[in-house]
Amino acid sequence: MEFRELPVSGSYLIRLKPVSDARGFFARAFCEEEFTERGLCAQFIQTNLAYTRRAGTIRGLHYQVPPHEEVKLVRCIRGAVWDVCVDLRADSPTYGQWTGTELSSENRDMLYVPAGCAHGYQALRDDTEVLYSVSTPYAPRYERGVRWDDPAFGIEWKYAGEVTLSHKDKSWEAYRL
């Protein structure tokens, strides 16, 4: 795997290094040793699958507060998404900044989202599926969110059409930096 550090401190774009032959290819999608060597979380206890019916739909931006902060490892396995990580760690050199990257079934890239960052994505195609692993179980009492269009962050979403949101994601209040 190739790890490319992104603008938000501690976030990474992880690219597979496939070995091809006449049958197709083989690639390692996760290696505890490689993650540990880089000081990244290598213990994921839950994997979630999210299916999104319509392009333009945004899921997020979500995070959990201590003691249930979570690291996420995100991959799009069908379709494509614009995946966003927002740094909410007050002691981070990139506090208040965001980074985005396109994840698709074609590029097979993954996004590593460090604890203390909000995460969300927008489907760029209909019938998109995202598979992501988390380091901590879902704890509803510790879940928080950031508005997708919060002017404090100025996130540049890639889909220009109609945006669809859940009731919960519409209800998040503006974030105060």
C-alpha atoms as a PDB file:
ATOM      1  CA  MET A   1       0.000   0.000   0.000  1.00  0.00           C
ATOM      2  CA  GLU A   2       1.036   3.572  -0.640  1.00  0.00           C
ATOM      3  CA  PHE A   3       0.227   6.144   2.074  1.00  0.00           C
ATOM      4  CA  ARG A   4      -0.063   9.767   0.960  1.00  0.00           C
ATOM      5  CA  GLU A   5      -0.497  12.331   3.729  1.00  0.00           C
ATOM      6  CA  LEU A   6      -3.355  14.765   3.098  1.00  0.00           C
ATOM      7  CA  PRO A   7      -3.650  18.424   4.200  1.00  0.00           C
ATOM      8  CA  VAL A   8      -5.525  17.569   7.440  1.00  0.00           C
ATOM      9  CA  SER A   9      -2.926  16.415   9.959  1.00  0.00           C
ATOM     10  CA  GLY A  10      -3.045  12.633  10.408  1.00  0.00           C
ATOM     11  CA  SER A  11      -5.317  11.946   7.426  1.00  0.00           C
ATOM     12  CA  TYR A  12      -4.116   9.766   4.559  1.00  0.00           C
ATOM     13  CA  LEU A  13      -5.091   8.702   1.090  1.00  0.00           C
ATOM     14  CA  ILE A  14      -4.204   5.025   0.872  1.00  0.00           C
ATOM     15  CA  ARG A  15      -3.631   3.619  -2.574  1.00  0.00           C
ATOM     16  CA  LEU A  16      -3.386  -0.082  -3.390  1.00  0.00           C
ATOM     17  CA  LYS A  17      -0.378  -1.499  -5.198  1.00  0.00           C
ATOM     18  CA  PRO A  18      -1.914  -4.259  -7.306  1.00  0.00           C
ATOM     19  CA  VAL A  19       0.110  -7.128  -8.724  1.00  0.00           C
ATOM     20  CA  SER A  20      -1.448  -8.137 -12.044  1.00  0.00           C
ATOM     21  CA  ASP A  21      -1.392 -11.212 -14.216  1.00  0.00           C
ATOM     22  CA  ALA A  22      -3.671 -12.868 -16.774  1.00  0.00           C
ATOM     23  CA  ARG A  23      -6.292 -13.576 -14.078  1.00  0.00           C
ATOM     24  CA  GLY A  24      -6.607  -9.965 -12.931  1.00  0.00           C
ATOM     25  CA  PHE A  25      -4.816  -8.571  -9.894  1.00  0.00           C
ATOM     26  CA  PHE A  26      -4.143  -9.064  -6.209  1.00  0.00           C
ATOM     27  CA  ALA A  27      -3.607  -6.237  -3.714  1.00  0.00           C
ATOM     28  CA  ARG A  28      -3.328  -5.982   0.033  1.00  0.00           C
ATOM     29  CA  ALA A  29      -6.218  -3.810   1.267  1.00  0.00           C
ATOM     30  CA  PHE A  30      -5.130  -3.655   4.917  1.00  0.00           C
ATOM     31  CA  CYS A  31      -1.982  -4.565   6.853  1.00  0.00           C
ATOM     32  CA  GLU A  32      -1.841  -4.106  10.617  1.00  0.00           C
ATOM     33  CA  GLU A  33       1.960  -3.975  10.515  1.00  0.00           C
ATOM     34  CA  GLU A  34       2.078  -1.185   7.899  1.00  0.00           C
ATOM     35  CA  PHE A  35      -0.491   0.898   9.776  1.00  0.00           C
ATOM     36  CA  THR A  36       1.298   0.406  13.114  1.00  0.00           C
ATOM     37  CA  GLU A  37       4.688   1.332  11.618  1.00  0.00           C
ATOM     38  CA  ARG A  38       3.203   4.697  10.585  1.00  0.00           C
ATOM     39  CA  GLY A  39       1.655   5.290  14.013  1.00  0.00           C
ATOM     40  CA  LEU A  40      -1.872   4.809  12.662  1.00  0.00           C
ATOM     41  CA  CYS A  41      -4.728   2.986  14.308  1.00  0.00           C
ATOM     42  CA  ALA A  42      -4.629  -0.656  13.258  1.00  0.00           C
ATOM     43  CA  GLN A  43      -7.493  -1.987  15.374  1.00  0.00           C
ATOM     44  CA  PHE A  44     -10.881  -1.755  13.709  1.00  0.00           C
ATOM     45  CA  ILE A  45     -13.769  -3.384  15.547  1.00  0.00           C
ATOM     46  CA  GLN A  46     -16.712  -2.725  13.242  1.00  0.00           C
ATOM     47  CA  THR A  47     -17.251  -2.485   9.485  1.00  0.00           C
ATOM     48  CA  ASN A  48     -20.270  -0.678   8.025  1.00  0.00           C
ATOM     49  CA  LEU A  49     -21.796  -0.666   4.550  1.00  0.00           C
ATOM     50  CA  ALA A  50     -23.834   2.322   3.345  1.00  0.00           C
ATOM     51  CA  TYR A  51     -25.852   2.253   0.135  1.00  0.00           C
ATOM     52  CA  THR A  52     -26.862   5.608  -1.360  1.00  0.00           C
ATOM     53  CA  ARG A  53     -29.599   5.603  -3.955  1.00  0.00           C
ATOM     54  CA  ARG A  54     -29.189   9.089  -5.482  1.00  0.00           C
ATOM     55  CA  ALA A  55     -26.232  11.159  -6.621  1.00  0.00           C
ATOM     56  CA  GLY A  56     -25.985  14.383  -4.629  1.00  0.00           C
ATOM     57  CA  THR A  57     -26.876  12.725  -1.325  1.00  0.00           C
ATOM     58  CA  ILE A  58     -24.610  13.775   1.535  1.00  0.00           C
ATOM     59  CA  ARG A  59     -24.017  11.569   4.556  1.00  0.00           C
ATOM     60  CA  GLY A  60     -22.417  13.478   7.398  1.00  0.00           C
ATOM     61  CA  LEU A  61     -20.473  15.221   8.609  1.00  0.00           C
ATOM     62  CA  HIS A  62     -20.285  12.969  11.703  1.00  0.00           C
ATOM     63  CA  TYR A  63     -17.902  12.313  14.564  1.00  0.00           C
ATOM     64  CA  GLN A  64     -17.924  10.970  18.114  1.00  0.00           C
ATOM     65  CA  VAL A  65     -16.564  12.756  21.187  1.00  0.00           C
ATOM     66  CA  PRO A  66     -14.414  11.187  23.947  1.00  0.00           C
ATOM     67  CA  PRO A  67     -14.357   8.580  25.267  1.00  0.00           C
ATOM     68  CA  HIS A  68     -15.749   7.207  21.990  1.00  0.00           C
ATOM     69  CA  GLU A  69     -13.717   9.073  19.376  1.00  0.00           C
ATOM     70  CA  GLU A  70     -13.344   6.958  16.276  1.00  0.00           C
ATOM     71  CA  VAL A  71     -10.852   6.456  13.493  1.00  0.00           C
ATOM     72  CA  LYS A  72     -12.403   5.579  10.133  1.00  0.00           C
ATOM     73  CA  LEU A  73     -10.984   3.742   7.137  1.00  0.00           C
ATOM     74  CA  VAL A  74     -13.276   4.450   4.175  1.00  0.00           C
ATOM     75  CA  ARG A  75     -13.507   2.863   0.711  1.00  0.00           C
ATOM     76  CA  CYS A  76     -16.100   3.263  -2.057  1.00  0.00           C
ATOM     77  CA  ILE A  77     -16.845  -0.177  -3.492  1.00  0.00           C
ATOM     78  CA  ARG A  78     -19.529   0.822  -6.005  1.00  0.00           C
ATOM     79  CA  GLY A  79     -19.956   4.165  -7.754  1.00  0.00           C
ATOM     80  CA  ALA A  80     -18.079   7.243  -6.545  1.00  0.00           C
ATOM     81  CA  VAL A  81     -18.083   9.723  -3.657  1.00  0.00           C
ATOM     82  CA  TRP A  82     -16.456  13.008  -2.724  1.00  0.00           C
ATOM     83  CA  ASP A  83     -15.152  12.125   0.741  1.00  0.00           C
ATOM     84  CA  VAL A  84     -14.408  14.881   3.261  1.00  0.00           C
ATOM     85  CA  CYS A  85     -12.486  15.030   6.542  1.00  0.00           C
ATOM     86  CA  VAL A  86     -12.757  18.135   8.798  1.00  0.00           C
ATOM     87  CA  ASP A  87     -10.235  18.683  11.604  1.00  0.00           C
ATOM     88  CA  LEU A  88     -12.058  19.489  14.873  1.00  0.00           C
ATOM     89  CA  ARG A  89      -9.057  18.914  17.169  1.00  0.00           C
ATOM     90  CA  ALA A  90      -8.369  22.248  18.895  1.00  0.00           C
ATOM     91  CA  ASP A  91      -4.727  21.283  19.511  1.00  0.00           C
ATOM     92  CA  SER A  92      -4.076  20.293  15.885  1.00  0.00           C
ATOM     93  CA  PRO A  93      -1.988  22.454  13.519  1.00  0.00           C
ATOM     94  CA  THR A  94      -4.761  22.007  10.932  1.00  0.00           C
ATOM     95  CA  TYR A  95      -7.712  22.766  13.270  1.00  0.00           C
ATOM     96  CA  GLY A  96     -10.705  23.998  11.283  1.00  0.00           C
ATOM     97  CA  GLN A  97      -9.322  22.832   7.943  1.00  0.00           C
ATOM     98  CA  TRP A  98     -10.804  20.212   5.650  1.00  0.00           C
ATOM     99  CA  THR A  99      -9.572  17.910   2.935  1.00  0.00           C
ATOM    100  CA  GLY A 100     -11.521  16.081   0.273  1.00  0.00           C
ATOM    101  CA  THR A 101     -10.768  13.301  -2.157  1.00  0.00           C
ATOM    102  CA  GLU A 102     -12.690  11.274  -4.677  1.00  0.00           C
ATOM    103  CA  LEU A 103     -13.083   7.624  -3.794  1.00  0.00           C
ATOM    104  CA  SER A 104     -14.505   5.301  -6.428  1.00  0.00           C
ATOM    105  CA  SER A 105     -14.858   1.659  -7.296  1.00  0.00           C
ATOM    106  CA  GLU A 106     -12.407   2.321 -10.134  1.00  0.00           C
ATOM    107  CA  ASN A 107      -9.567   3.951  -8.183  1.00  0.00           C
ATOM    108  CA  ARG A 108     -10.015   1.667  -5.124  1.00  0.00           C
ATOM    109  CA  ASP A 109      -8.449   4.336  -2.879  1.00  0.00           C
ATOM    110  CA  MET A 110      -9.163   4.569   0.846  1.00  0.00           C
ATOM    111  CA  LEU A 111      -9.370   7.568   3.165  1.00  0.00           C
ATOM    112  CA  TYR A 112      -7.933   7.289   6.684  1.00  0.00           C
ATOM    113  CA  VAL A 113      -9.831   9.693   8.977  1.00  0.00           C
ATOM    114  CA  PRO A 114      -8.124  10.292  12.339  1.00  0.00           C
ATOM    115  CA  ALA A 115      -9.998  10.506  15.653  1.00  0.00           C
ATOM    116  CA  GLY A 116     -11.294  13.991  16.378  1.00  0.00           C
ATOM    117  CA  CYS A 117     -12.188  14.716  12.763  1.00  0.00           C
ATOM    118  CA  ALA A 118     -15.680  14.954  11.308  1.00  0.00           C
ATOM    119  CA  HIS A 119     -16.286  12.777   8.271  1.00  0.00           C
ATOM    120  CA  GLY A 120     -18.835  12.794   5.498  1.00  0.00           C
ATOM    121  CA  TYR A 121     -19.251  12.150   1.817  1.00  0.00           C
ATOM    122  CA  GLN A 122     -21.411  13.034  -1.153  1.00  0.00           C
ATOM    123  CA  ALA A 123     -22.455  10.432  -3.686  1.00  0.00           C
ATOM    124  CA  LEU A 124     -21.306  11.436  -7.166  1.00  0.00           C
ATOM    125  CA  ARG A 125     -23.312   8.669  -8.864  1.00  0.00           C
ATOM    126  CA  ASP A 126     -26.595   6.883  -8.291  1.00  0.00           C
ATOM    127  CA  ASP A 127     -26.432   3.501  -6.525  1.00  0.00           C
ATOM    128  CA  THR A 128     -23.191   4.103  -4.650  1.00  0.00           C
ATOM    129  CA  GLU A 129     -21.888   1.873  -1.840  1.00  0.00           C
ATOM    130  CA  VAL A 130     -19.309   2.813   0.782  1.00  0.00           C
ATOM    131  CA  LEU A 131     -17.622   0.316   3.085  1.00  0.00           C
ATOM    132  CA  TYR A 132     -15.867   1.693   6.136  1.00  0.00           C
ATOM    133  CA  SER A 133     -14.264   0.316   9.261  1.00  0.00           C
ATOM    134  CA  VAL A 134     -14.284   2.108  12.608  1.00  0.00           C
ATOM    135  CA  SER A 135     -12.099   1.801  15.688  1.00  0.00           C
ATOM    136  CA  THR A 136     -14.920   2.283  18.215  1.00  0.00           C
ATOM    137  CA  PRO A 137     -18.518   1.060  18.248  1.00  0.00           C
ATOM    138  CA  TYR A 138     -21.302   3.511  17.459  1.00  0.00           C
ATOM    139  CA  ALA A 139     -22.253   5.374  20.649  1.00  0.00           C
ATOM    140  CA  PRO A 140     -25.341   7.522  19.972  1.00  0.00           C
ATOM    141  CA  ARG A 141     -24.893   9.635  23.133  1.00  0.00           C
ATOM    142  CA  TYR A 142     -21.421  10.655  21.918  1.00  0.00           C
ATOM    143  CA  GLU A 143     -22.303  11.305  18.296  1.00  0.00           C
ATOM    144  CA  ARG A 144     -22.025  14.851  17.007  1.00  0.00           C
ATOM    145  CA  GLY A 145     -22.239  16.472  13.616  1.00  0.00           C
ATOM    146  CA  VAL A 146     -21.209  19.421  11.514  1.00  0.00           C
ATOM    147  CA  ARG A 147     -23.398  21.055   8.881  1.00  0.00           C
ATOM    148  CA  TRP A 148     -22.379  20.110   5.352  1.00  0.00           C
ATOM    149  CA  ASP A 149     -22.593  23.774   4.310  1.00  0.00           C
ATOM    150  CA  ASP A 150     -21.147  25.338   7.478  1.00  0.00           C
ATOM    151  CA  PRO A 151     -19.448  28.619   6.508  1.00  0.00           C
ATOM    152  CA  ALA A 152     -16.826  28.023   9.236  1.00  0.00           C
ATOM    153  CA  PHE A 153     -15.258  25.404   6.955  1.00  0.00           C
ATOM    154  CA  GLY A 154     -16.228  26.417   3.395  1.00  0.00           C
ATOM    155  CA  ILE A 155     -16.210  22.857   2.085  1.00  0.00           C
ATOM    156  CA  GLU A 156     -16.237  22.643  -1.707  1.00  0.00           C
ATOM    157  CA  TRP A 157     -18.589  19.816  -2.628  1.00  0.00           C
ATOM    158  CA  LYS A 158     -18.164  18.330  -6.118  1.00  0.00           C
ATOM    159  CA  TYR A 159     -21.738  17.461  -7.117  1.00  0.00           C
ATOM    160  CA  ALA A 160     -23.511  20.468  -8.612  1.00  0.00           C
ATOM    161  CA  GLY A 161     -27.062  19.041  -8.613  1.00  0.00           C
ATOM    162  CA  GLU A 162     -29.704  18.777  -5.905  1.00  0.00           C
ATOM    163  CA  VAL A 163     -28.440  17.847  -2.420  1.00  0.00           C
ATOM    164  CA  THR A 164     -30.316  15.227  -0.382  1.00  0.00           C
ATOM    165  CA  LEU A 165     -29.789  15.024   3.396  1.00  0.00           C
ATOM    166  CA  SER A 166     -31.238  13.028   6.273  1.00  0.00           C
ATOM    167  CA  HIS A 167     -33.349  14.856   8.848  1.00  0.00           C
ATOM    168  CA  LYS A 168     -30.515  14.438  11.379  1.00  0.00           C
ATOM    169  CA  ASP A 169     -27.903  15.897   9.026  1.00  0.00           C
ATOM    170  CA  LYS A 170     -30.140  18.902   8.317  1.00  0.00           C
ATOM    171  CA  SER A 171     -30.446  19.606  12.055  1.00  0.00           C
ATOM    172  CA  TRP A 172     -26.788  20.110  13.023  1.00  0.00           C
ATOM    173  CA  GLU A 173     -26.053  23.608  14.293  1.00  0.00           C
ATOM    174  CA  ALA A 174     -23.292  25.874  13.014  1.00  0.00           C
ATOM    175  CA  TYR A 175     -19.856  25.007  14.400  1.00  0.00           C
ATOM    176  CA  ARG A 176     -17.940  27.585  16.426  1.00  0.00           C
ATOM    177  CA  LEU A 177     -14.209  27.596  15.768  1.00  0.00           C
END
